[in-house]
C-alpha atoms as a PDB file:
ATOM      1  CA  MET A   1     -28.464 105.718   0.438  1.00  0.00           C
ATOM      2  CA  THR A   2     -26.879 107.188   3.365  1.00  0.00           C
ATOM      3  CA  GLU A   3     -28.607 105.635   6.479  1.00  0.00           C
ATOM      4  CA  ASN A   4     -25.751 102.941   6.931  1.00  0.00           C
ATOM      5  CA  ILE A   5     -22.915 105.367   6.382  1.00  0.00           C
ATOM      6  CA  SER A   6     -21.160 106.113   9.585  1.00  0.00           C
ATOM      7  CA  ILE A   7     -18.874 109.100  10.133  1.00  0.00           C
ATOM      8  CA  LEU A   8     -16.635 110.077  13.160  1.00  0.00           C
ATOM      9  CA  VAL A   9     -16.209 113.732  14.008  1.00  0.00           C
ATOM     10  CA  VAL A  10     -13.232 114.472  15.911  1.00  0.00           C
ATOM     11  CA  ASP A  11     -12.808 118.039  17.632  1.00  0.00           C
ATOM     12  CA  ASP A  12     -11.923 119.271  21.108  1.00  0.00           C
ATOM     13  CA  GLU A  13     -14.553 122.045  20.733  1.00  0.00           C
ATOM     14  CA  ASP A  14     -18.135 120.809  21.671  1.00  0.00           C
ATOM     15  CA  ARG A  15     -19.690 123.430  19.550  1.00  0.00           C
ATOM     16  CA  ILE A  16     -17.943 122.424  16.301  1.00  0.00           C
ATOM     17  CA  ARG A  17     -18.762 118.710  16.977  1.00  0.00           C
ATOM     18  CA  ARG A  18     -22.395 119.528  17.576  1.00  0.00           C
ATOM     19  CA  LEU A  19     -22.600 121.754  14.465  1.00  0.00           C
ATOM     20  CA  LEU A  20     -21.206 119.082  12.178  1.00  0.00           C
ATOM     21  CA  LYS A  21     -23.045 116.296  13.811  1.00  0.00           C
ATOM     22  CA  MET A  22     -26.363 118.238  13.167  1.00  0.00           C
ATOM     23  CA  TYR A  23     -25.623 118.907   9.534  1.00  0.00           C
ATOM     24  CA  LEU A  24     -24.363 115.434   8.791  1.00  0.00           C
ATOM     25  CA  GLU A  25     -27.329 113.739  10.396  1.00  0.00           C
ATOM     26  CA  ARG A  26     -29.663 115.856   8.397  1.00  0.00           C
ATOM     27  CA  GLU A  27     -28.346 114.161   5.325  1.00  0.00           C
ATOM     28  CA  GLY A  28     -28.951 110.740   7.042  1.00  0.00           C
ATOM     29  CA  TYR A  29     -25.442 109.805   8.242  1.00  0.00           C
ATOM     30  CA  LEU A  30     -24.811 108.139  11.509  1.00  0.00           C
ATOM     31  CA  VAL A  31     -22.348 110.334  13.395  1.00  0.00           C
ATOM     32  CA  ASP A  32     -20.198 109.482  16.258  1.00  0.00           C
ATOM     33  CA  GLU A  33     -18.085 112.205  18.101  1.00  0.00           C
ATOM     34  CA  ALA A  34     -14.672 112.139  19.947  1.00  0.00           C
ATOM     35  CA  GLU A  35     -13.204 115.055  21.935  1.00  0.00           C
ATOM     36  CA  ASN A  36      -9.582 114.214  21.843  1.00  0.00           C
ATOM     37  CA  GLY A  37      -7.164 111.938  19.904  1.00  0.00           C
ATOM     38  CA  GLU A  38      -7.314 109.064  22.365  1.00  0.00           C
ATOM     39  CA  GLN A  39     -11.044 108.703  22.102  1.00  0.00           C
ATOM     40  CA  ALA A  40     -10.816 108.916  18.249  1.00  0.00           C
ATOM     41  CA  LEU A  41      -8.351 106.018  18.255  1.00  0.00           C
ATOM     42  CA  GLU A  42     -10.468 104.010  20.566  1.00  0.00           C
ATOM     43  CA  LYS A  43     -13.610 104.540  18.398  1.00  0.00           C
ATOM     44  CA  SER A  44     -11.900 103.746  15.228  1.00  0.00           C
ATOM     45  CA  LEU A  45     -10.740 100.595  16.696  1.00  0.00           C
ATOM     46  CA  GLU A  46     -14.321  99.673  17.704  1.00  0.00           C
ATOM     47  CA  LYS A  47     -16.131 100.593  14.495  1.00  0.00           C
ATOM     48  CA  ASP A  48     -15.124 100.823  10.695  1.00  0.00           C
ATOM     49  CA  TYR A  49     -16.179 104.235   9.770  1.00  0.00           C
ATOM     50  CA  HIS A  50     -16.751 105.424   6.237  1.00  0.00           C
ATOM     51  CA  CYS A  51     -15.202 108.713   6.867  1.00  0.00           C
ATOM     52  CA  ILE A  52     -13.320 110.534   9.732  1.00  0.00           C
ATOM     53  CA  LEU A  53     -13.396 114.298  10.150  1.00  0.00           C
ATOM     54  CA  LEU A  54     -10.234 115.012  12.255  1.00  0.00           C
ATOM     55  CA  ASP A  55      -9.068 118.327  13.838  1.00  0.00           C
ATOM     56  CA  ILE A  56      -5.419 118.778  13.931  1.00  0.00           C
ATOM     57  CA  MET A  57      -4.863 120.811  17.132  1.00  0.00           C
ATOM     58  CA  MET A  58      -6.144 118.871  20.112  1.00  0.00           C
ATOM     59  CA  PRO A  59      -4.959 118.002  23.629  1.00  0.00           C
ATOM     60  CA  GLU A  60      -3.420 114.621  24.571  1.00  0.00           C
ATOM     61  CA  LYS A  61      -2.887 113.444  21.158  1.00  0.00           C
ATOM     62  CA  ASP A  62      -3.134 115.546  18.210  1.00  0.00           C
ATOM     63  CA  GLY A  63      -4.807 114.920  14.754  1.00  0.00           C
ATOM     64  CA  LEU A  64      -1.489 114.112  12.942  1.00  0.00           C
ATOM     65  CA  GLU A  65      -0.680 111.421  15.382  1.00  0.00           C
ATOM     66  CA  VAL A  66      -4.197 109.984  15.176  1.00  0.00           C
ATOM     67  CA  CYS A  67      -3.900 110.115  11.359  1.00  0.00           C
ATOM     68  CA  ALA A  68      -0.671 108.245  11.305  1.00  0.00           C
ATOM     69  CA  GLU A  69      -1.980 105.567  13.713  1.00  0.00           C
ATOM     70  CA  ILE A  70      -5.137 104.965  11.743  1.00  0.00           C
ATOM     71  CA  ARG A  71      -3.155 104.690   8.534  1.00  0.00           C
ATOM     72  CA  GLU A  72      -1.237 101.894   9.887  1.00  0.00           C
ATOM     73  CA  ARG A  73      -4.312  99.552   9.731  1.00  0.00           C
ATOM     74  CA  ALA A  74      -6.975 101.266   7.642  1.00  0.00           C
ATOM     75  CA  ALA A  75      -7.555 103.171   4.460  1.00  0.00           C
ATOM     76  CA  THR A  76     -10.672 105.136   5.868  1.00  0.00           C
ATOM     77  CA  PRO A  77     -11.001 108.412   4.157  1.00  0.00           C
ATOM     78  CA  ILE A  78      -9.560 110.990   6.583  1.00  0.00           C
ATOM     79  CA  VAL A  79     -10.532 114.732   6.269  1.00  0.00           C
ATOM     80  CA  LEU A  80      -8.380 117.159   8.453  1.00  0.00           C
ATOM     81  CA  LEU A  81      -9.959 120.185   9.979  1.00  0.00           C
ATOM     82  CA  THR A  82      -7.149 122.927  10.119  1.00  0.00           C
ATOM     83  CA  ALA A  83      -6.691 126.521  11.103  1.00  0.00           C
ATOM     84  CA  ARG A  84      -5.749 128.597   8.098  1.00  0.00           C
ATOM     85  CA  GLY A  85      -2.115 129.087   9.453  1.00  0.00           C
ATOM     86  CA  GLU A  86      -1.361 125.610   9.846  1.00  0.00           C
ATOM     87  CA  GLU A  87      -0.055 125.106   6.299  1.00  0.00           C
ATOM     88  CA  ALA A  88       2.874 123.047   7.309  1.00  0.00           C
ATOM     89  CA  ASN A  89       0.711 120.770   9.404  1.00  0.00           C
ATOM     90  CA  ARG A  90      -1.583 120.253   6.437  1.00  0.00           C
ATOM     91  CA  VAL A  91       1.356 119.144   4.362  1.00  0.00           C
ATOM     92  CA  GLN A  92       2.556 116.796   7.043  1.00  0.00           C
ATOM     93  CA  GLY A  93      -1.029 115.476   7.066  1.00  0.00           C
ATOM     94  CA  PHE A  94      -0.933 114.520   3.486  1.00  0.00           C
ATOM     95  CA  GLU A  95       2.469 112.767   4.145  1.00  0.00           C
ATOM     96  CA  LEU A  96       0.867 110.673   6.881  1.00  0.00           C
ATOM     97  CA  GLY A  97      -2.110 109.777   4.569  1.00  0.00           C
ATOM     98  CA  ALA A  98      -4.815 112.214   4.899  1.00  0.00           C
ATOM     99  CA  ASP A  99      -7.118 112.575   2.013  1.00  0.00           C
ATOM    100  CA  ASP A 100      -8.440 116.103   2.186  1.00  0.00           C
ATOM    101  CA  TYR A 101      -8.366 119.147   4.307  1.00  0.00           C
ATOM    102  CA  ILE A 102     -10.939 121.754   5.387  1.00  0.00           C
ATOM    103  CA  VAL A 103      -9.789 125.217   6.672  1.00  0.00           C
ATOM    104  CA  LYS A 104     -11.434 126.827   9.679  1.00  0.00           C
ATOM    105  CA  PRO A 105     -13.567 128.818   9.828  1.00  0.00           C
ATOM    106  CA  PHE A 106     -15.647 126.763   7.588  1.00  0.00           C
ATOM    107  CA  SER A 107     -19.403 126.421   6.309  1.00  0.00           C
ATOM    108  CA  PRO A 108     -21.138 123.321   7.667  1.00  0.00           C
ATOM    109  CA  ARG A 109     -22.764 123.097   4.070  1.00  0.00           C
ATOM    110  CA  GLU A 110     -19.246 122.899   2.696  1.00  0.00           C
ATOM    111  CA  VAL A 111     -18.250 120.129   4.969  1.00  0.00           C
ATOM    112  CA  VAL A 112     -21.271 118.197   3.944  1.00  0.00           C
ATOM    113  CA  LEU A 113     -20.539 118.496   0.241  1.00  0.00           C
ATOM    114  CA  ARG A 114     -16.830 117.606   0.921  1.00  0.00           C
ATOM    115  CA  VAL A 115     -17.960 114.416   2.677  1.00  0.00           C
ATOM    116  CA  LYS A 116     -20.367 113.423  -0.021  1.00  0.00           C
ATOM    117  CA  ALA A 117     -17.714 113.955  -2.655  1.00  0.00           C
ATOM    118  CA  ILE A 118     -15.011 112.066  -0.981  1.00  0.00           C
ATOM    119  CA  LEU A 119     -17.450 109.093  -0.198  1.00  0.00           C
ATOM    120  CA  ARG A 120     -18.773 109.054  -3.729  1.00  0.00           C
ATOM    121  CA  ARG A 121     -15.014 109.006  -5.251  1.00  0.00           C
ATOM    122  CA  SER A 122     -13.622 106.563  -2.738  1.00  0.00           C
ATOM    123  CA  GLN A 123     -16.684 104.181  -2.928  1.00  0.00           C
ATOM    124  CA  ALA A 124     -15.742 103.541   0.648  1.00  0.00           C
ATOM    125  CA  PHE A 125     -19.507 102.481   1.368  1.00  0.00           C
ATOM    126  CA  ALA A 126     -19.802 100.265  -1.797  1.00  0.00           C
ATOM    127  CA  PRO A 127     -20.164  96.441  -0.998  1.00  0.00           C
ATOM    128  CA  ALA A 128     -17.449  94.200  -2.293  1.00  0.00           C
ATOM    129  CA  THR A 129     -18.617  92.005  -5.090  1.00  0.00           C
ATOM    130  CA  ASN A 130     -17.637  88.381  -5.672  1.00  0.00           C
ATOM    131  CA  THR A 131     -18.033  88.357  -9.561  1.00  0.00           C
ATOM    132  CA  THR A 132     -15.222  86.862 -11.465  1.00  0.00           C
ATOM    133  CA  SER A 133     -15.750  89.204 -14.432  1.00  0.00           C
ATOM    134  CA  SER A 134     -14.845  92.795 -14.052  1.00  0.00           C
ATOM    135  CA  LYS A 135     -16.019  95.309 -16.734  1.00  0.00           C
ATOM    136  CA  ASP A 136     -13.309  97.921 -15.759  1.00  0.00           C
ATOM    137  CA  LEU A 137      -9.893  96.432 -15.580  1.00  0.00           C
ATOM    138  CA  VAL A 138      -6.597  98.435 -16.310  1.00  0.00           C
ATOM    139  CA  VAL A 139      -3.956  95.672 -16.656  1.00  0.00           C
ATOM    140  CA  PHE A 140      -0.174  95.866 -17.068  1.00  0.00           C
ATOM    141  CA  GLN A 141       2.571  93.321 -16.729  1.00  0.00           C
ATOM    142  CA  HIS A 142       3.399  94.222 -13.147  1.00  0.00           C
ATOM    143  CA  LEU A 143       0.252  96.149 -12.138  1.00  0.00           C
ATOM    144  CA  MET A 144      -3.512  95.496 -12.429  1.00  0.00           C
ATOM    145  CA  ILE A 145      -6.346  97.888 -11.313  1.00  0.00           C
ATOM    146  CA  ASP A 146      -9.912  96.456 -10.927  1.00  0.00           C
ATOM    147  CA  HIS A 147     -11.858  99.559 -10.770  1.00  0.00           C
ATOM    148  CA  ASP A 148     -15.097  97.736 -10.212  1.00  0.00           C
ATOM    149  CA  ALA A 149     -13.734  96.229  -7.094  1.00  0.00           C
ATOM    150  CA  HIS A 150     -11.709  99.243  -6.143  1.00  0.00           C
ATOM    151  CA  ARG A 151      -8.523  97.062  -5.890  1.00  0.00           C
ATOM    152  CA  VAL A 152      -4.999  97.273  -7.040  1.00  0.00           C
ATOM    153  CA  THR A 153      -2.580  94.383  -7.218  1.00  0.00           C
ATOM    154  CA  ALA A 154       1.024  94.384  -8.099  1.00  0.00           C
ATOM    155  CA  GLU A 155       2.682  91.176  -9.027  1.00  0.00           C
ATOM    156  CA  GLY A 156      -0.558  89.596  -7.924  1.00  0.00           C
ATOM    157  CA  ILE A 157      -0.342  91.007  -4.348  1.00  0.00           C
ATOM    158  CA  GLU A 158      -3.012  93.530  -3.219  1.00  0.00           C
ATOM    159  CA  VAL A 159      -1.776  96.927  -2.388  1.00  0.00           C
ATOM    160  CA  ASN A 160      -3.613  98.722   0.456  1.00  0.00           C
ATOM    161  CA  LEU A 161      -4.029 102.344  -0.795  1.00  0.00           C
ATOM    162  CA  THR A 162      -6.022 105.355   0.561  1.00  0.00           C
ATOM    163  CA  PRO A 163      -8.974 106.624  -1.554  1.00  0.00           C
ATOM    164  CA  LYS A 164      -6.822 109.441  -2.811  1.00  0.00           C
ATOM    165  CA  GLU A 165      -3.834 107.459  -3.681  1.00  0.00           C
ATOM    166  CA  TYR A 166      -6.084 105.110  -5.535  1.00  0.00           C
ATOM    167  CA  GLU A 167      -7.609 107.964  -7.444  1.00  0.00           C
ATOM    168  CA  LEU A 168      -4.297 109.348  -8.390  1.00  0.00           C
ATOM    169  CA  LEU A 169      -3.035 106.011  -9.572  1.00  0.00           C
ATOM    170  CA  TYR A 170      -6.114 105.225 -11.632  1.00  0.00           C
ATOM    171  CA  PHE A 171      -6.159 108.585 -13.315  1.00  0.00           C
ATOM    172  CA  LEU A 172      -2.512 108.308 -14.445  1.00  0.00           C
ATOM    173  CA  ALA A 173      -2.696 104.620 -15.313  1.00  0.00           C
ATOM    174  CA  LYS A 174      -5.751 105.465 -17.724  1.00  0.00           C
ATOM    175  CA  SER A 175      -3.346 107.673 -19.860  1.00  0.00           C
ATOM    176  CA  PRO A 176      -0.093 105.868 -20.099  1.00  0.00           C
ATOM    177  CA  ASP A 177       2.796 108.255 -21.270  1.00  0.00           C
ATOM    178  CA  LYS A 178       0.643 111.338 -21.029  1.00  0.00           C
ATOM    179  CA  VAL A 179       2.389 114.033 -18.864  1.00  0.00           C
ATOM    180  CA  PHE A 180       0.208 115.875 -16.301  1.00  0.00           C
ATOM    181  CA  ASP A 181       1.407 118.950 -14.504  1.00  0.00           C
ATOM    182  CA  ARG A 182       0.585 119.225 -10.914  1.00  0.00           C
ATOM    183  CA  GLU A 183      -2.198 121.973 -11.563  1.00  0.00           C
ATOM    184  CA  GLN A 184      -3.926 119.274 -13.897  1.00  0.00           C
ATOM    185  CA  LEU A 185      -3.813 116.683 -11.155  1.00  0.00           C
ATOM    186  CA  LEU A 186      -5.309 118.860  -8.619  1.00  0.00           C
ATOM    187  CA  LYS A 187      -8.007 119.711 -10.791  1.00  0.00           C
ATOM    188  CA  GLU A 188      -8.894 116.292 -12.040  1.00  0.00           C
ATOM    189  CA  VAL A 189      -8.091 114.165  -8.925  1.00  0.00           C
ATOM    190  CA  TRP A 190      -8.957 116.666  -6.192  1.00  0.00           C
ATOM    191  CA  HIS A 191     -11.753 118.287  -8.086  1.00  0.00           C
ATOM    192  CA  TYR A 192     -11.606 121.653  -6.531  1.00  0.00           C
ATOM    193  CA  ASP A 193      -9.279 124.500  -5.996  1.00  0.00           C
ATOM    194  CA  PHE A 194      -6.499 123.570  -3.639  1.00  0.00           C
ATOM    195  CA  PHE A 195      -5.190 126.957  -3.023  1.00  0.00           C
ATOM    196  CA  GLY A 196      -2.134 126.303  -5.058  1.00  0.00           C
ATOM    197  CA  ASP A 197      -0.555 123.837  -2.625  1.00  0.00           C
ATOM    198  CA  LEU A 198       1.133 121.755  -5.253  1.00  0.00           C
ATOM    199  CA  ARG A 199       3.026 119.875  -2.574  1.00  0.00           C
ATOM    200  CA  THR A 200      -0.212 118.037  -2.155  1.00  0.00           C
ATOM    201  CA  VAL A 201       0.439 116.141  -5.302  1.00  0.00           C
ATOM    202  CA  ASP A 202       4.004 115.463  -4.472  1.00  0.00           C
ATOM    203  CA  THR A 203       3.318 113.929  -1.243  1.00  0.00           C
ATOM    204  CA  HIS A 204       0.658 111.742  -2.561  1.00  0.00           C
ATOM    205  CA  VAL A 205       3.083 110.470  -5.344  1.00  0.00           C
ATOM    206  CA  LYS A 206       5.720 109.813  -2.655  1.00  0.00           C
ATOM    207  CA  ARG A 207       3.430 107.658  -0.741  1.00  0.00           C
ATOM    208  CA  LEU A 208       1.934 105.904  -3.542  1.00  0.00           C
ATOM    209  CA  ARG A 209       5.444 104.813  -4.868  1.00  0.00           C
ATOM    210  CA  GLU A 210       6.509 103.802  -1.333  1.00  0.00           C
ATOM    211  CA  LYS A 211       3.402 101.481  -1.124  1.00  0.00           C
ATOM    212  CA  LEU A 212       3.923  99.989  -4.583  1.00  0.00           C
ATOM    213  CA  ASN A 213       7.745  99.579  -3.914  1.00  0.00           C
ATOM    214  CA  ARG A 214       6.944  97.373  -1.023  1.00  0.00           C
ATOM    215  CA  VAL A 215       5.528  94.836  -3.349  1.00  0.00           C
ATOM    216  CA  SER A 216       7.114  95.510  -6.619  1.00  0.00           C
ATOM    217  CA  GLU A 217       9.946  97.875  -7.684  1.00  0.00           C
ATOM    218  CA  ASN A 218       8.696  97.711 -11.320  1.00  0.00           C
ATOM    219  CA  ALA A 219       5.202  98.788 -10.401  1.00  0.00           C
ATOM    220  CA  ALA A 220       6.629 101.708  -8.340  1.00  0.00           C
ATOM    221  CA  LYS A 221       9.031 102.817 -11.406  1.00  0.00           C
ATOM    222  CA  MET A 222       5.832 103.211 -13.479  1.00  0.00           C
ATOM    223  CA  ILE A 223       5.075 106.531 -11.788  1.00  0.00           C
ATOM    224  CA  VAL A 224       7.507 108.641 -13.396  1.00  0.00           C
ATOM    225  CA  THR A 225       8.406 112.241 -12.611  1.00  0.00           C
ATOM    226  CA  VAL A 226       8.892 114.587 -15.580  1.00  0.00           C
ATOM    227  CA  TRP A 227      11.262 117.235 -14.029  1.00  0.00           C
ATOM    228  CA  GLY A 228       9.968 120.692 -14.357  1.00  0.00           C
ATOM    229  CA  VAL A 229       6.613 119.539 -15.478  1.00  0.00           C
ATOM    230  CA  GLY A 230       4.811 116.956 -13.349  1.00  0.00           C
ATOM    231  CA  TYR A 231       4.133 113.243 -13.526  1.00  0.00           C
ATOM    232  CA  LYS A 232       3.223 110.384 -15.968  1.00  0.00           C
ATOM    233  CA  PHE A 233       2.430 106.678 -15.902  1.00  0.00           C
ATOM    234  CA  GLU A 234       5.019 104.741 -18.039  1.00  0.00           C
ATOM    235  CA  VAL A 235       4.556 101.139 -19.034  1.00  0.00           C
ATOM    236  CA  ILE A 236       7.349  98.861 -18.058  1.00  0.00           C
ATOM    237  CA  ASN A 237       7.629  95.408 -19.672  1.00  0.00           C
ATOM    238  CA  GLU A 238      10.630  93.358 -18.312  1.00  0.00           C
END
């Protein structure tokens, strides 16, 4: 069901906005447009979007600034639209909380598939349930993941994660003490070829630790760096 799913397309090129709007509306999504960063922030304050497609290079306020400001108040999935030569900006975007990126020039069909995938994985459009029994709980002394409700708590306090941060944590926590290299994590968590940009994993791990650490140092320590290899989830009982 897509008729109640709303998407914001942000790009200073009218041609790109109209093209993406046309393809996304064909799939039944509700699509709004913004032609610069200021408009994007105004619209994101007025409405809770299920996904935001956000160009980096824009006048007035660029996409990185917009991404950072949205992340201060919401975990909405953000997909950056970037030129091929903007690798440093893409990495900075991940550090600011973006979930994915698409390189220009792109196929509109690819964009639609990416949007479908990120919505499916994030469950951003799934209604919250009030049931007291969850069929899919991952529980440790300092951390609990309720996968049915898509909720993470540390020391009983809810931790606000982006969809990709949540996915990464859930994937690692399901296999305690198992070491995953960065290539494995890109394949299993991002689900497609990420052009060998292994820093994507590092920036998400950094942000995930920072958010957990604000609530519980012990929970943050569970995500362990295995030097020269990758990362693992280590159970701490103390």
